[in-house]
Every structure is written in structure tokens, then in C-alpha cells.
Amino acid sequence: MTITGQALHKILRLKGLKLKTGISGSSIYNKINPRNKYYDPSFPKPIRLGAGTVGWLEAEVDAWLEAQAQISRAKVSGTKPSPATYAASASPR
């Protein structure tokens, strides 16, 4: 990929994801585990990078954070978020 004309896909490893979201590692793994009571289907899914190595696409994390902010602001202001906000939050890779 080139810098001009194409978007680069930046991969966040767990440490970077924790820094960007402010969420602990165990909470992140709880959010991606469908059998966990804290499972969040809207949380970005990890991608396999190699044997025992995963990462998250930064663009998906950014979109999830933006959707969470919009949902939070709507709850505070008493308005209902648009369906597009929820769709962006739960969009599959």
C-alpha cells in the first residue's frame, strides 16, 4: 500500500487498544467473548495476525469509540440516538 491514494490499515495490539480505549485487557477479552455476561457484540473483533497473535483495526476502534460517545451523549441529553449510530457501533468487519 502507498500513503497517497490508499488508506493504510493501522493495527493496534492489546497494549495500544488499552491505551486508546481506557479499557483493561481483561475487560476487552470479556467484551469479545460471546459466553461472557459482559459480551458486547458492537465491540470491534480482533483479527488474527499469526499464531497466538491478534490485533484490532484502528479504524474500527475509532468508529466504535465515536458510536459509544454518541450513544452516551444521547442518554445524557435525553434524546434517542439515530439507528445509524447503533448500526455503526455493531457493524461487522
C-alpha atoms as a PDB file:
ATOM      1  CA  MET A   1       0.000   0.000   0.000  1.00  0.00           C
ATOM      2  CA  THR A   2       1.064   3.510  -0.645  1.00  0.00           C
ATOM      3  CA  ILE A   3       0.474   6.510   1.556  1.00  0.00           C
ATOM      4  CA  THR A   4      -1.087   8.552  -1.225  1.00  0.00           C
ATOM      5  CA  GLY A   5      -4.355   7.340  -2.691  1.00  0.00           C
ATOM      6  CA  GLN A   6      -4.992   4.452  -0.313  1.00  0.00           C
ATOM      7  CA  ALA A   7      -5.819   4.310   3.355  1.00  0.00           C
ATOM      8  CA  LEU A   8      -3.312   2.449   5.457  1.00  0.00           C
ATOM      9  CA  HIS A   9      -4.659  -0.059   7.924  1.00  0.00           C
ATOM     10  CA  LYS A  10      -3.096   0.518  11.288  1.00  0.00           C
ATOM     11  CA  ILE A  11      -3.238  -2.449  13.641  1.00  0.00           C
ATOM     12  CA  LEU A  12      -3.486  -1.942  17.368  1.00  0.00           C
ATOM     13  CA  ARG A  13      -2.111  -4.658  19.595  1.00  0.00           C
ATOM     14  CA  LEU A  14      -3.636  -5.129  23.054  1.00  0.00           C
ATOM     15  CA  LYS A  15      -1.429  -2.503  24.704  1.00  0.00           C
ATOM     16  CA  GLY A  16      -2.378   0.123  22.114  1.00  0.00           C
ATOM     17  CA  LEU A  17      -6.057  -0.834  22.332  1.00  0.00           C
ATOM     18  CA  LYS A  18      -5.968  -0.455  26.114  1.00  0.00           C
ATOM     19  CA  LEU A  19      -4.342   2.975  25.798  1.00  0.00           C
ATOM     20  CA  LYS A  20      -6.774   4.157  23.126  1.00  0.00           C
ATOM     21  CA  THR A  21      -9.964   2.950  24.849  1.00  0.00           C
ATOM     22  CA  GLY A  22      -9.005   3.163  28.516  1.00  0.00           C
ATOM     23  CA  ILE A  23     -10.374  -0.361  28.969  1.00  0.00           C
ATOM     24  CA  SER A  24      -8.393  -3.052  30.782  1.00  0.00           C
ATOM     25  CA  GLY A  25      -7.164  -6.139  28.949  1.00  0.00           C
ATOM     26  CA  SER A  26      -9.485  -8.469  30.856  1.00  0.00           C
ATOM     27  CA  SER A  27     -12.481  -6.225  30.099  1.00  0.00           C
ATOM     28  CA  ILE A  28     -11.565  -6.214  26.402  1.00  0.00           C
ATOM     29  CA  TYR A  29     -11.491 -10.002  26.325  1.00  0.00           C
ATOM     30  CA  ASN A  30     -14.805 -10.090  28.224  1.00  0.00           C
ATOM     31  CA  LYS A  31     -16.338  -7.829  25.575  1.00  0.00           C
ATOM     32  CA  ILE A  32     -15.302 -10.150  22.714  1.00  0.00           C
ATOM     33  CA  ASN A  33     -16.302 -13.436  24.409  1.00  0.00           C
ATOM     34  CA  PRO A  34     -19.905 -14.354  23.494  1.00  0.00           C
ATOM     35  CA  ARG A  35     -20.171 -16.625  26.552  1.00  0.00           C
ATOM     36  CA  ASN A  36     -19.305 -13.805  28.953  1.00  0.00           C
ATOM     37  CA  LYS A  37     -22.043 -11.728  30.586  1.00  0.00           C
ATOM     38  CA  TYR A  38     -20.128  -8.578  29.586  1.00  0.00           C
ATOM     39  CA  TYR A  39     -20.061  -9.554  25.900  1.00  0.00           C
ATOM     40  CA  ASP A  40     -20.549  -6.546  23.618  1.00  0.00           C
ATOM     41  CA  PRO A  41     -21.428  -7.535  20.042  1.00  0.00           C
ATOM     42  CA  SER A  42     -20.664  -3.997  18.889  1.00  0.00           C
ATOM     43  CA  PHE A  43     -17.051  -4.110  20.126  1.00  0.00           C
ATOM     44  CA  PRO A  44     -14.524  -4.445  17.278  1.00  0.00           C
ATOM     45  CA  LYS A  45     -13.498  -8.014  16.556  1.00  0.00           C
ATOM     46  CA  PRO A  46      -9.814  -8.896  16.692  1.00  0.00           C
ATOM     47  CA  ILE A  47      -8.025 -10.113  13.593  1.00  0.00           C
ATOM     48  CA  ARG A  48      -5.514 -12.932  13.685  1.00  0.00           C
ATOM     49  CA  LEU A  49      -2.010 -11.785  12.833  1.00  0.00           C
ATOM     50  CA  GLY A  50      -0.194 -15.036  13.472  1.00  0.00           C
ATOM     51  CA  ALA A  51      -0.035 -17.964  15.862  1.00  0.00           C
ATOM     52  CA  GLY A  52      -1.250 -16.606  19.175  1.00  0.00           C
ATOM     53  CA  THR A  53      -1.177 -13.012  17.951  1.00  0.00           C
ATOM     54  CA  VAL A  54      -4.188 -10.766  17.407  1.00  0.00           C
ATOM     55  CA  GLY A  55      -4.741  -7.100  16.719  1.00  0.00           C
ATOM     56  CA  TRP A  56      -7.573  -4.680  16.116  1.00  0.00           C
ATOM     57  CA  LEU A  57      -8.047  -2.370  13.143  1.00  0.00           C
ATOM     58  CA  GLU A  58      -7.672   1.167  14.448  1.00  0.00           C
ATOM     59  CA  ALA A  59     -10.387   2.474  12.098  1.00  0.00           C
ATOM     60  CA  GLU A  60     -12.911   0.026  13.603  1.00  0.00           C
ATOM     61  CA  VAL A  61     -11.873   1.005  17.121  1.00  0.00           C
ATOM     62  CA  ASP A  62     -12.234   4.698  16.242  1.00  0.00           C
ATOM     63  CA  ALA A  63     -15.718   4.072  14.798  1.00  0.00           C
ATOM     64  CA  TRP A  64     -16.740   2.129  17.926  1.00  0.00           C
ATOM     65  CA  LEU A  65     -15.474   4.905  20.208  1.00  0.00           C
ATOM     66  CA  GLU A  66     -17.367   7.535  18.209  1.00  0.00           C
ATOM     67  CA  ALA A  67     -20.569   5.466  18.343  1.00  0.00           C
ATOM     68  CA  GLN A  68     -20.157   4.976  22.109  1.00  0.00           C
ATOM     69  CA  ALA A  69     -19.694   8.728  22.568  1.00  0.00           C
ATOM     70  CA  GLN A  70     -22.846   9.474  20.547  1.00  0.00           C
ATOM     71  CA  ILE A  71     -24.860   6.905  22.500  1.00  0.00           C
ATOM     72  CA  SER A  72     -23.582   8.310  25.790  1.00  0.00           C
ATOM     73  CA  ARG A  73     -24.341  11.903  24.805  1.00  0.00           C
ATOM     74  CA  ALA A  74     -27.833  10.945  23.687  1.00  0.00           C
ATOM     75  CA  LYS A  75     -28.516   9.292  27.050  1.00  0.00           C
ATOM     76  CA  VAL A  76     -27.290  12.361  28.928  1.00  0.00           C
ATOM     77  CA  SER A  77     -29.344  14.765  26.831  1.00  0.00           C
ATOM     78  CA  GLY A  78     -32.412  12.533  26.915  1.00  0.00           C
ATOM     79  CA  THR A  79     -32.610  12.166  23.145  1.00  0.00           C
ATOM     80  CA  LYS A  80     -32.645   8.906  21.282  1.00  0.00           C
ATOM     81  CA  PRO A  81     -29.556   8.147  19.141  1.00  0.00           C
ATOM     82  CA  SER A  82     -30.201   7.602  15.465  1.00  0.00           C
ATOM     83  CA  PRO A  83     -30.400   3.997  14.220  1.00  0.00           C
ATOM     84  CA  ALA A  84     -27.264   4.724  12.168  1.00  0.00           C
ATOM     85  CA  THR A  85     -25.332   5.205  15.415  1.00  0.00           C
ATOM     86  CA  TYR A  86     -26.249   1.719  16.577  1.00  0.00           C
ATOM     87  CA  ALA A  87     -25.570   0.296  13.127  1.00  0.00           C
ATOM     88  CA  ALA A  88     -22.098   1.840  13.065  1.00  0.00           C
ATOM     89  CA  SER A  89     -21.444   0.517  16.544  1.00  0.00           C
ATOM     90  CA  ALA A  90     -22.455  -3.033  15.631  1.00  0.00           C
ATOM     91  CA  SER A  91     -21.133  -3.171  12.078  1.00  0.00           C
ATOM     92  CA  PRO A  92     -19.302  -6.413  11.267  1.00  0.00           C
ATOM     93  CA  ARG A  93     -15.844  -6.354   9.742  1.00  0.00           C
END
